[in-house]
Amino acid sequence: MPARLILRGVEVTFFLLSKMHGMTELTGIDRRIQELGLELPPAPQPGGVYAPIVIVDRLLYVSGQGPRQANGSLIVGRVGVDLVETEAYSAARAVGLTMLATIKQQLGTLNHIERLVKTLGMVNCVPEFTNHPQVINGFSTLMVEVFGEVAGKGARSAVGMGSLPSNIPVEVEAIFQLKS
């Protein structure tokens, strides 16, 4: 059943979850996540003085997210010392799941998202490591799986860093467009 919500001056159309035979019927992106067999970790609490998300007009800005495991613990390590490229790719995918968990916690559903607009992926690595885009593909591939080939693929930057908070291997911030 479609409903409208005014969210910080932005009108958002979404579908309410309904109860059928004692079970919640999932729709849209929430249903897609279930169909893919994905498990969202617990959404993390802010690690500083910032908001996890900010909405301006129809744009959803998501603060930098780190890789969390299903139990909520962080994945840690520096690429080129503690982790190889394939492990960093998996960590970037885990960042995507963490980000989806954060958005869902803040908005109540992922069905408000129209598309991914922009991604900034940061890789904690040794100076000699240069495959930053291949690592951040872990995040980007997940977004395409969840939102589709067009809506899940946005503009992107992938850069190497000398360190990241708590020695996490990957941090990603993103901008999404909300449905009108």
N, C-alpha and C. Protein backbone atom coordinates (compact mmCIF):
# COMPACT_ATOMS: atom_id res chain seq x y z
N MET A 1 0.85 -1.16 0.00
CA MET A 1 0.00 0.00 0.00
C MET A 1 0.90 1.23 0.00
N PRO A 2 0.86 2.09 -1.03
CA PRO A 2 1.73 3.25 -1.08
C PRO A 2 1.36 4.27 -0.01
N ALA A 3 2.38 4.91 0.53
CA ALA A 3 2.18 5.96 1.52
C ALA A 3 3.16 7.08 1.23
N ARG A 4 2.86 8.27 1.72
CA ARG A 4 3.74 9.41 1.53
C ARG A 4 4.22 9.88 2.89
N LEU A 5 5.46 10.31 2.94
CA LEU A 5 6.07 10.80 4.15
C LEU A 5 6.88 12.03 3.80
N ILE A 6 6.76 13.07 4.58
CA ILE A 6 7.59 14.26 4.40
C ILE A 6 8.78 14.08 5.33
N LEU A 7 9.96 13.96 4.77
CA LEU A 7 11.18 13.69 5.50
C LEU A 7 12.11 14.88 5.33
N ARG A 8 12.19 15.73 6.31
CA ARG A 8 13.02 16.93 6.26
C ARG A 8 12.73 17.77 5.03
N GLY A 9 11.44 17.98 4.78
CA GLY A 9 11.02 18.82 3.66
C GLY A 9 10.96 18.09 2.34
N VAL A 10 11.31 16.81 2.30
CA VAL A 10 11.28 16.03 1.06
C VAL A 10 10.15 15.03 1.16
N GLU A 11 9.30 15.01 0.15
CA GLU A 11 8.21 14.05 0.14
C GLU A 11 8.74 12.73 -0.42
N VAL A 12 8.55 11.67 0.35
CA VAL A 12 9.03 10.35 -0.04
C VAL A 12 7.84 9.42 -0.15
N THR A 13 7.76 8.68 -1.25
CA THR A 13 6.71 7.68 -1.42
C THR A 13 7.32 6.32 -1.11
N PHE A 14 6.60 5.53 -0.33
CA PHE A 14 7.11 4.20 -0.02
C PHE A 14 5.94 3.26 0.18
N PHE A 15 6.26 1.99 0.33
CA PHE A 15 5.24 0.98 0.54
C PHE A 15 5.33 0.49 1.97
N LEU A 16 4.20 0.50 2.65
CA LEU A 16 4.15 0.03 4.02
C LEU A 16 4.26 -1.48 4.05
N LEU A 17 4.92 -1.98 5.08
CA LEU A 17 4.99 -3.42 5.26
C LEU A 17 3.65 -3.88 5.82
N SER A 18 3.16 -4.97 5.32
CA SER A 18 1.88 -5.49 5.81
C SER A 18 2.10 -6.83 6.48
N LYS A 19 1.17 -7.19 7.34
CA LYS A 19 1.24 -8.48 8.03
C LYS A 19 0.33 -9.47 7.30
N MET A 20 0.90 -10.61 6.95
CA MET A 20 0.12 -11.66 6.32
C MET A 20 0.45 -12.96 7.03
N HIS A 21 -0.54 -13.60 7.59
CA HIS A 21 -0.37 -14.89 8.26
C HIS A 21 0.74 -14.82 9.31
N GLY A 22 0.82 -13.70 10.03
CA GLY A 22 1.80 -13.57 11.10
C GLY A 22 3.21 -13.25 10.64
N MET A 23 3.43 -13.08 9.34
CA MET A 23 4.77 -12.77 8.84
C MET A 23 4.74 -11.42 8.14
N THR A 24 5.86 -10.71 8.18
CA THR A 24 5.95 -9.43 7.51
C THR A 24 6.26 -9.67 6.03
N GLU A 25 5.49 -9.06 5.16
CA GLU A 25 5.73 -9.17 3.73
C GLU A 25 6.73 -8.08 3.35
N LEU A 26 7.88 -8.47 2.86
CA LEU A 26 8.89 -7.52 2.45
C LEU A 26 8.65 -7.11 1.00
N THR A 27 8.98 -5.86 0.70
CA THR A 27 8.81 -5.35 -0.66
C THR A 27 10.10 -4.69 -1.12
N GLY A 28 10.22 -4.47 -2.41
CA GLY A 28 11.31 -3.71 -2.99
C GLY A 28 12.69 -4.18 -2.60
N ILE A 29 13.53 -3.22 -2.21
CA ILE A 29 14.92 -3.51 -1.89
C ILE A 29 15.04 -4.40 -0.66
N ASP A 30 14.19 -4.18 0.34
CA ASP A 30 14.22 -5.05 1.52
C ASP A 30 14.01 -6.51 1.12
N ARG A 31 13.11 -6.74 0.19
CA ARG A 31 12.85 -8.10 -0.30
C ARG A 31 14.03 -8.62 -1.10
N ARG A 32 14.63 -7.76 -1.90
CA ARG A 32 15.79 -8.15 -2.73
C ARG A 32 16.94 -8.64 -1.84
N ILE A 33 17.17 -7.96 -0.75
CA ILE A 33 18.24 -8.36 0.17
C ILE A 33 17.97 -9.76 0.71
N GLN A 34 16.71 -10.01 1.06
CA GLN A 34 16.34 -11.34 1.54
C GLN A 34 16.53 -12.38 0.43
N GLU A 35 16.11 -12.07 -0.79
CA GLU A 35 16.25 -13.00 -1.92
C GLU A 35 17.71 -13.33 -2.20
N LEU A 36 18.59 -12.36 -2.01
CA LEU A 36 20.03 -12.58 -2.23
C LEU A 36 20.68 -13.35 -1.09
N GLY A 37 19.93 -13.56 -0.01
CA GLY A 37 20.47 -14.27 1.15
C GLY A 37 21.49 -13.45 1.92
N LEU A 38 21.39 -12.12 1.84
CA LEU A 38 22.34 -11.25 2.53
C LEU A 38 21.91 -11.04 3.98
N GLU A 39 22.90 -10.96 4.85
CA GLU A 39 22.64 -10.69 6.27
C GLU A 39 23.27 -9.35 6.62
N LEU A 40 22.45 -8.40 7.03
CA LEU A 40 22.97 -7.10 7.43
C LEU A 40 23.49 -7.18 8.86
N PRO A 41 24.69 -6.63 9.09
CA PRO A 41 25.21 -6.61 10.46
C PRO A 41 24.45 -5.57 11.28
N PRO A 42 24.67 -5.55 12.59
CA PRO A 42 24.06 -4.47 13.38
C PRO A 42 24.62 -3.12 12.90
N ALA A 43 23.76 -2.12 12.80
CA ALA A 43 24.22 -0.79 12.41
C ALA A 43 25.10 -0.23 13.52
N PRO A 44 26.27 0.31 13.17
CA PRO A 44 27.18 0.83 14.20
C PRO A 44 26.70 2.16 14.78
N GLN A 45 27.12 2.43 15.99
CA GLN A 45 26.90 3.74 16.60
C GLN A 45 27.96 4.69 16.05
N PRO A 46 27.65 5.98 15.91
CA PRO A 46 28.66 6.93 15.44
C PRO A 46 29.91 6.88 16.33
N GLY A 47 31.08 6.93 15.70
CA GLY A 47 32.34 6.89 16.43
C GLY A 47 32.89 8.27 16.71
N GLY A 48 32.07 9.29 16.58
CA GLY A 48 32.51 10.66 16.80
C GLY A 48 31.31 11.58 16.81
N VAL A 49 31.58 12.86 16.60
CA VAL A 49 30.52 13.86 16.61
C VAL A 49 30.06 14.11 15.18
N TYR A 50 29.12 13.29 14.72
CA TYR A 50 28.57 13.40 13.36
C TYR A 50 27.26 12.63 13.29
N ALA A 51 26.51 12.88 12.23
CA ALA A 51 25.26 12.15 11.98
C ALA A 51 25.57 11.00 11.02
N PRO A 52 25.00 9.81 11.24
CA PRO A 52 25.23 8.70 10.32
C PRO A 52 24.75 9.01 8.90
N ILE A 53 23.62 9.73 8.81
CA ILE A 53 23.09 10.15 7.51
C ILE A 53 22.61 11.60 7.62
N VAL A 54 22.62 12.28 6.49
CA VAL A 54 22.04 13.61 6.38
C VAL A 54 21.25 13.64 5.08
N ILE A 55 20.04 14.16 5.14
CA ILE A 55 19.21 14.28 3.94
C ILE A 55 19.08 15.75 3.59
N VAL A 56 19.42 16.07 2.34
CA VAL A 56 19.24 17.41 1.79
C VAL A 56 18.48 17.24 0.48
N ASP A 57 17.32 17.84 0.41
CA ASP A 57 16.43 17.65 -0.74
C ASP A 57 16.19 16.15 -0.91
N ARG A 58 16.51 15.60 -2.06
CA ARG A 58 16.31 14.16 -2.28
C ARG A 58 17.62 13.39 -2.23
N LEU A 59 18.66 14.00 -1.66
CA LEU A 59 19.95 13.32 -1.56
C LEU A 59 20.21 12.85 -0.14
N LEU A 60 20.61 11.60 -0.03
CA LEU A 60 20.95 10.97 1.24
C LEU A 60 22.46 10.83 1.30
N TYR A 61 23.10 11.58 2.20
CA TYR A 61 24.54 11.51 2.39
C TYR A 61 24.81 10.55 3.54
N VAL A 62 25.63 9.53 3.28
CA VAL A 62 25.95 8.55 4.31
C VAL A 62 27.40 8.76 4.74
N SER A 63 27.59 8.96 6.04
CA SER A 63 28.93 9.13 6.60
C SER A 63 29.76 7.88 6.34
N GLY A 64 31.08 8.04 6.43
CA GLY A 64 32.00 6.92 6.20
C GLY A 64 31.66 5.72 7.06
N GLN A 65 31.65 4.57 6.43
CA GLN A 65 31.32 3.30 7.09
C GLN A 65 32.51 2.36 6.99
N GLY A 66 32.69 1.55 8.03
CA GLY A 66 33.73 0.53 8.02
C GLY A 66 33.14 -0.86 7.88
N PRO A 67 34.00 -1.86 7.68
CA PRO A 67 33.52 -3.23 7.50
C PRO A 67 33.20 -3.91 8.82
N ARG A 68 31.97 -4.33 8.97
CA ARG A 68 31.51 -5.05 10.16
C ARG A 68 31.15 -6.48 9.78
N GLN A 69 31.44 -7.37 10.67
CA GLN A 69 31.03 -8.76 10.49
C GLN A 69 29.60 -8.91 11.00
N ALA A 70 29.00 -10.06 10.76
CA ALA A 70 27.61 -10.31 11.17
C ALA A 70 27.43 -10.12 12.67
N ASN A 71 28.47 -10.36 13.47
CA ASN A 71 28.37 -10.21 14.92
C ASN A 71 28.63 -8.76 15.37
N GLY A 72 28.90 -7.86 14.42
CA GLY A 72 29.11 -6.46 14.73
C GLY A 72 30.55 -6.05 14.93
N SER A 73 31.47 -7.01 15.01
CA SER A 73 32.88 -6.67 15.20
C SER A 73 33.48 -6.15 13.89
N LEU A 74 34.51 -5.32 14.04
CA LEU A 74 35.17 -4.74 12.87
C LEU A 74 36.14 -5.73 12.22
N ILE A 75 36.25 -5.65 10.92
CA ILE A 75 37.32 -6.32 10.19
C ILE A 75 38.48 -5.33 10.19
N VAL A 76 39.66 -5.78 10.56
CA VAL A 76 40.81 -4.88 10.65
C VAL A 76 41.98 -5.41 9.84
N GLY A 77 42.91 -4.50 9.54
CA GLY A 77 44.13 -4.86 8.84
C GLY A 77 44.46 -3.91 7.72
N ARG A 78 45.71 -3.86 7.37
CA ARG A 78 46.21 -3.00 6.31
C ARG A 78 46.53 -3.85 5.08
N VAL A 79 46.04 -3.42 3.93
CA VAL A 79 46.25 -4.16 2.69
C VAL A 79 47.73 -4.07 2.32
N GLY A 80 48.31 -5.22 2.02
CA GLY A 80 49.72 -5.30 1.68
C GLY A 80 50.58 -5.73 2.85
N VAL A 81 50.00 -5.73 4.06
CA VAL A 81 50.70 -6.19 5.26
C VAL A 81 49.90 -7.31 5.91
N ASP A 82 48.67 -6.99 6.29
CA ASP A 82 47.81 -7.95 7.01
C ASP A 82 46.82 -8.65 6.10
N LEU A 83 46.46 -8.00 5.00
CA LEU A 83 45.43 -8.52 4.11
C LEU A 83 45.92 -8.51 2.67
N VAL A 84 45.44 -9.47 1.89
CA VAL A 84 45.69 -9.47 0.45
C VAL A 84 44.50 -8.82 -0.25
N GLU A 85 44.63 -8.57 -1.53
CA GLU A 85 43.59 -7.86 -2.29
C GLU A 85 42.22 -8.53 -2.20
N THR A 86 42.15 -9.83 -2.28
CA THR A 86 40.85 -10.51 -2.25
C THR A 86 40.18 -10.35 -0.88
N GLU A 87 40.98 -10.34 0.20
CA GLU A 87 40.40 -10.12 1.53
C GLU A 87 39.90 -8.68 1.66
N ALA A 88 40.62 -7.74 1.07
CA ALA A 88 40.19 -6.34 1.10
C ALA A 88 38.91 -6.16 0.28
N TYR A 89 38.78 -6.86 -0.84
CA TYR A 89 37.56 -6.84 -1.65
C TYR A 89 36.38 -7.31 -0.79
N SER A 90 36.58 -8.41 -0.05
CA SER A 90 35.52 -8.92 0.84
C SER A 90 35.20 -7.91 1.94
N ALA A 91 36.21 -7.21 2.44
CA ALA A 91 35.98 -6.18 3.45
C ALA A 91 35.16 -5.04 2.86
N ALA A 92 35.43 -4.66 1.61
CA ALA A 92 34.67 -3.60 0.95
C ALA A 92 33.21 -4.03 0.78
N ARG A 93 32.99 -5.28 0.47
CA ARG A 93 31.62 -5.80 0.38
C ARG A 93 30.94 -5.72 1.75
N ALA A 94 31.69 -6.05 2.80
CA ALA A 94 31.15 -5.96 4.16
C ALA A 94 30.80 -4.51 4.51
N VAL A 95 31.58 -3.55 4.01
CA VAL A 95 31.26 -2.14 4.22
C VAL A 95 29.89 -1.84 3.60
N GLY A 96 29.63 -2.38 2.42
CA GLY A 96 28.33 -2.18 1.76
C GLY A 96 27.19 -2.69 2.61
N LEU A 97 27.36 -3.85 3.23
CA LEU A 97 26.32 -4.40 4.10
C LEU A 97 26.14 -3.52 5.33
N THR A 98 27.25 -3.02 5.88
CA THR A 98 27.18 -2.11 7.03
C THR A 98 26.43 -0.84 6.65
N MET A 99 26.72 -0.30 5.47
CA MET A 99 26.06 0.92 5.03
C MET A 99 24.56 0.69 4.85
N LEU A 100 24.19 -0.43 4.26
CA LEU A 100 22.77 -0.73 4.09
C LEU A 100 22.09 -0.86 5.45
N ALA A 101 22.78 -1.46 6.43
CA ALA A 101 22.23 -1.60 7.77
C ALA A 101 22.01 -0.22 8.41
N THR A 102 22.98 0.67 8.21
CA THR A 102 22.87 2.03 8.76
C THR A 102 21.69 2.77 8.15
N ILE A 103 21.56 2.69 6.83
CA ILE A 103 20.45 3.37 6.15
C ILE A 103 19.12 2.80 6.63
N LYS A 104 19.05 1.48 6.71
CA LYS A 104 17.79 0.85 7.13
C LYS A 104 17.44 1.24 8.56
N GLN A 105 18.43 1.30 9.44
CA GLN A 105 18.17 1.71 10.81
C GLN A 105 17.66 3.15 10.87
N GLN A 106 18.23 4.02 10.06
CA GLN A 106 17.88 5.44 10.09
C GLN A 106 16.54 5.73 9.41
N LEU A 107 16.24 5.03 8.30
CA LEU A 107 15.03 5.31 7.53
C LEU A 107 13.91 4.29 7.76
N GLY A 108 14.24 3.16 8.37
CA GLY A 108 13.24 2.13 8.62
C GLY A 108 13.11 1.13 7.49
N THR A 109 13.56 1.48 6.31
CA THR A 109 13.50 0.61 5.14
C THR A 109 14.51 1.12 4.11
N LEU A 110 14.91 0.23 3.22
CA LEU A 110 15.78 0.63 2.11
C LEU A 110 14.98 0.98 0.87
N ASN A 111 13.67 0.82 0.95
CA ASN A 111 12.81 1.06 -0.21
C ASN A 111 12.68 2.53 -0.59
N HIS A 112 13.19 3.44 0.22
CA HIS A 112 13.16 4.86 -0.10
C HIS A 112 14.24 5.24 -1.13
N ILE A 113 15.20 4.34 -1.36
CA ILE A 113 16.34 4.67 -2.22
C ILE A 113 15.98 4.49 -3.69
N GLU A 114 16.25 5.53 -4.46
CA GLU A 114 16.05 5.51 -5.91
C GLU A 114 17.29 4.94 -6.60
N ARG A 115 18.47 5.47 -6.20
CA ARG A 115 19.71 5.03 -6.85
C ARG A 115 20.92 5.49 -6.06
N LEU A 116 22.05 4.85 -6.33
CA LEU A 116 23.35 5.29 -5.84
C LEU A 116 23.84 6.40 -6.75
N VAL A 117 24.31 7.49 -6.17
CA VAL A 117 24.80 8.63 -6.96
C VAL A 117 26.32 8.66 -7.00
N LYS A 118 26.97 8.59 -5.82
CA LYS A 118 28.43 8.77 -5.76
C LYS A 118 28.99 7.97 -4.60
N THR A 119 30.16 7.37 -4.82
CA THR A 119 30.87 6.61 -3.82
C THR A 119 32.30 7.13 -3.70
N LEU A 120 32.78 7.27 -2.47
CA LEU A 120 34.19 7.52 -2.21
C LEU A 120 34.68 6.35 -1.38
N GLY A 121 35.57 5.55 -1.98
CA GLY A 121 36.13 4.39 -1.29
C GLY A 121 37.57 4.63 -0.93
N MET A 122 37.92 4.37 0.32
CA MET A 122 39.27 4.58 0.82
C MET A 122 39.85 3.25 1.29
N VAL A 123 41.07 2.96 0.86
CA VAL A 123 41.72 1.70 1.17
C VAL A 123 42.95 1.97 2.03
N ASN A 124 43.01 1.35 3.20
CA ASN A 124 44.15 1.43 4.10
C ASN A 124 45.20 0.47 3.58
N CYS A 125 46.28 1.02 3.01
CA CYS A 125 47.24 0.14 2.33
C CYS A 125 48.65 0.70 2.37
N VAL A 126 49.58 -0.18 2.02
CA VAL A 126 50.98 0.23 1.89
C VAL A 126 51.10 1.08 0.62
N PRO A 127 52.12 1.97 0.56
CA PRO A 127 52.26 2.85 -0.61
C PRO A 127 52.39 2.10 -1.94
N GLU A 128 52.93 0.90 -1.91
CA GLU A 128 53.14 0.14 -3.14
C GLU A 128 51.86 -0.47 -3.71
N PHE A 129 50.81 -0.53 -2.91
CA PHE A 129 49.55 -1.13 -3.37
C PHE A 129 48.82 -0.12 -4.25
N THR A 130 48.45 -0.53 -5.44
CA THR A 130 47.82 0.40 -6.39
C THR A 130 46.48 -0.09 -6.94
N ASN A 131 45.96 -1.19 -6.44
CA ASN A 131 44.71 -1.74 -6.96
C ASN A 131 43.50 -1.29 -6.15
N HIS A 132 43.46 -0.02 -5.78
CA HIS A 132 42.35 0.51 -5.00
C HIS A 132 41.00 0.29 -5.68
N PRO A 133 40.89 0.55 -7.01
CA PRO A 133 39.59 0.33 -7.67
C PRO A 133 39.10 -1.12 -7.56
N GLN A 134 40.02 -2.08 -7.67
CA GLN A 134 39.61 -3.48 -7.59
C GLN A 134 39.09 -3.82 -6.20
N VAL A 135 39.66 -3.22 -5.16
CA VAL A 135 39.18 -3.44 -3.79
C VAL A 135 37.77 -2.85 -3.63
N ILE A 136 37.58 -1.62 -4.06
CA ILE A 136 36.29 -0.94 -3.89
C ILE A 136 35.21 -1.58 -4.76
N ASN A 137 35.62 -2.37 -5.75
CA ASN A 137 34.63 -3.14 -6.53
C ASN A 137 33.81 -4.06 -5.62
N GLY A 138 34.35 -4.46 -4.47
CA GLY A 138 33.57 -5.27 -3.53
C GLY A 138 32.32 -4.55 -3.08
N PHE A 139 32.44 -3.26 -2.80
CA PHE A 139 31.29 -2.43 -2.43
C PHE A 139 30.39 -2.22 -3.65
N SER A 140 31.00 -1.82 -4.76
CA SER A 140 30.22 -1.48 -5.96
C SER A 140 29.44 -2.66 -6.51
N THR A 141 30.04 -3.83 -6.52
CA THR A 141 29.36 -5.02 -7.01
C THR A 141 28.14 -5.34 -6.15
N LEU A 142 28.27 -5.18 -4.84
CA LEU A 142 27.13 -5.40 -3.95
C LEU A 142 26.00 -4.43 -4.26
N MET A 143 26.33 -3.16 -4.49
CA MET A 143 25.29 -2.16 -4.79
C MET A 143 24.54 -2.53 -6.07
N VAL A 144 25.27 -3.02 -7.07
CA VAL A 144 24.63 -3.44 -8.33
C VAL A 144 23.74 -4.65 -8.07
N GLU A 145 24.20 -5.60 -7.28
CA GLU A 145 23.38 -6.78 -6.96
C GLU A 145 22.08 -6.37 -6.26
N VAL A 146 22.16 -5.40 -5.35
CA VAL A 146 21.01 -5.01 -4.55
C VAL A 146 20.07 -4.08 -5.32
N PHE A 147 20.62 -3.04 -5.97
CA PHE A 147 19.78 -2.00 -6.59
C PHE A 147 19.63 -2.15 -8.10
N GLY A 148 20.41 -3.03 -8.73
CA GLY A 148 20.32 -3.22 -10.16
C GLY A 148 21.45 -2.53 -10.91
N GLU A 149 21.60 -2.90 -12.17
CA GLU A 149 22.72 -2.44 -13.01
C GLU A 149 22.76 -0.92 -13.16
N VAL A 150 21.62 -0.28 -13.27
CA VAL A 150 21.60 1.18 -13.46
C VAL A 150 21.56 1.89 -12.11
N ALA A 151 20.59 1.57 -11.27
CA ALA A 151 20.41 2.27 -9.99
C ALA A 151 21.54 1.98 -9.00
N GLY A 152 22.23 0.87 -9.16
CA GLY A 152 23.30 0.51 -8.23
C GLY A 152 24.68 0.97 -8.64
N LYS A 153 24.78 1.56 -9.81
CA LYS A 153 26.08 1.98 -10.32
C LYS A 153 26.12 3.50 -10.40
N GLY A 154 26.94 4.13 -9.55
CA GLY A 154 27.06 5.58 -9.54
C GLY A 154 28.47 6.00 -9.91
N ALA A 155 28.72 7.29 -9.83
CA ALA A 155 30.08 7.81 -9.99
C ALA A 155 30.90 7.32 -8.79
N ARG A 156 32.24 7.24 -8.96
CA ARG A 156 33.04 6.64 -7.89
C ARG A 156 34.47 7.13 -7.91
N SER A 157 35.03 7.25 -6.73
CA SER A 157 36.47 7.46 -6.56
C SER A 157 36.98 6.37 -5.63
N ALA A 158 38.18 5.87 -5.89
CA ALA A 158 38.81 4.86 -5.04
C ALA A 158 40.25 5.31 -4.81
N VAL A 159 40.61 5.51 -3.55
CA VAL A 159 41.93 6.05 -3.24
C VAL A 159 42.58 5.23 -2.13
N GLY A 160 43.91 5.31 -2.07
CA GLY A 160 44.68 4.67 -1.02
C GLY A 160 44.96 5.66 0.10
N MET A 161 45.01 5.14 1.32
CA MET A 161 45.27 5.96 2.51
C MET A 161 46.39 5.32 3.32
N GLY A 162 47.11 6.16 4.04
CA GLY A 162 48.18 5.66 4.92
C GLY A 162 47.65 4.97 6.15
N SER A 163 46.44 5.33 6.57
CA SER A 163 45.77 4.66 7.69
C SER A 163 44.29 5.03 7.66
N LEU A 164 43.51 4.25 8.37
CA LEU A 164 42.08 4.51 8.54
C LEU A 164 41.73 4.25 10.00
N PRO A 165 40.61 4.78 10.50
CA PRO A 165 40.25 4.60 11.91
C PRO A 165 40.23 3.13 12.33
N SER A 166 40.75 2.86 13.52
CA SER A 166 40.76 1.51 14.10
C SER A 166 41.47 0.49 13.22
N ASN A 167 42.29 0.96 12.30
CA ASN A 167 43.04 0.09 11.38
C ASN A 167 42.12 -0.74 10.47
N ILE A 168 40.91 -0.20 10.15
CA ILE A 168 40.04 -0.91 9.21
C ILE A 168 40.67 -0.85 7.82
N PRO A 169 40.47 -1.88 7.00
CA PRO A 169 41.09 -1.90 5.68
C PRO A 169 40.38 -1.02 4.64
N VAL A 170 39.09 -0.76 4.85
CA VAL A 170 38.30 -0.01 3.86
C VAL A 170 37.30 0.87 4.59
N GLU A 171 37.12 2.08 4.07
CA GLU A 171 36.05 2.97 4.53
C GLU A 171 35.38 3.52 3.29
N VAL A 172 34.06 3.59 3.31
CA VAL A 172 33.30 4.09 2.16
C VAL A 172 32.26 5.09 2.65
N GLU A 173 32.15 6.20 1.94
CA GLU A 173 31.03 7.12 2.14
C GLU A 173 30.31 7.19 0.81
N ALA A 174 29.02 7.49 0.85
CA ALA A 174 28.23 7.46 -0.38
C ALA A 174 27.10 8.47 -0.33
N ILE A 175 26.61 8.78 -1.53
CA ILE A 175 25.45 9.64 -1.70
C ILE A 175 24.42 8.84 -2.50
N PHE A 176 23.19 8.80 -1.99
CA PHE A 176 22.08 8.13 -2.68
C PHE A 176 21.00 9.16 -3.00
N GLN A 177 20.25 8.89 -4.04
CA GLN A 177 19.07 9.70 -4.35
C GLN A 177 17.86 8.99 -3.78
N LEU A 178 16.99 9.74 -3.11
CA LEU A 178 15.75 9.19 -2.58
C LEU A 178 14.62 9.29 -3.60
N LYS A 179 13.68 8.40 -3.48
CA LYS A 179 12.52 8.43 -4.37
C LYS A 179 11.68 9.67 -4.09
N SER A 180 11.04 10.17 -5.14
CA SER A 180 10.19 11.36 -4.93
C SER A 180 8.77 10.93 -4.62
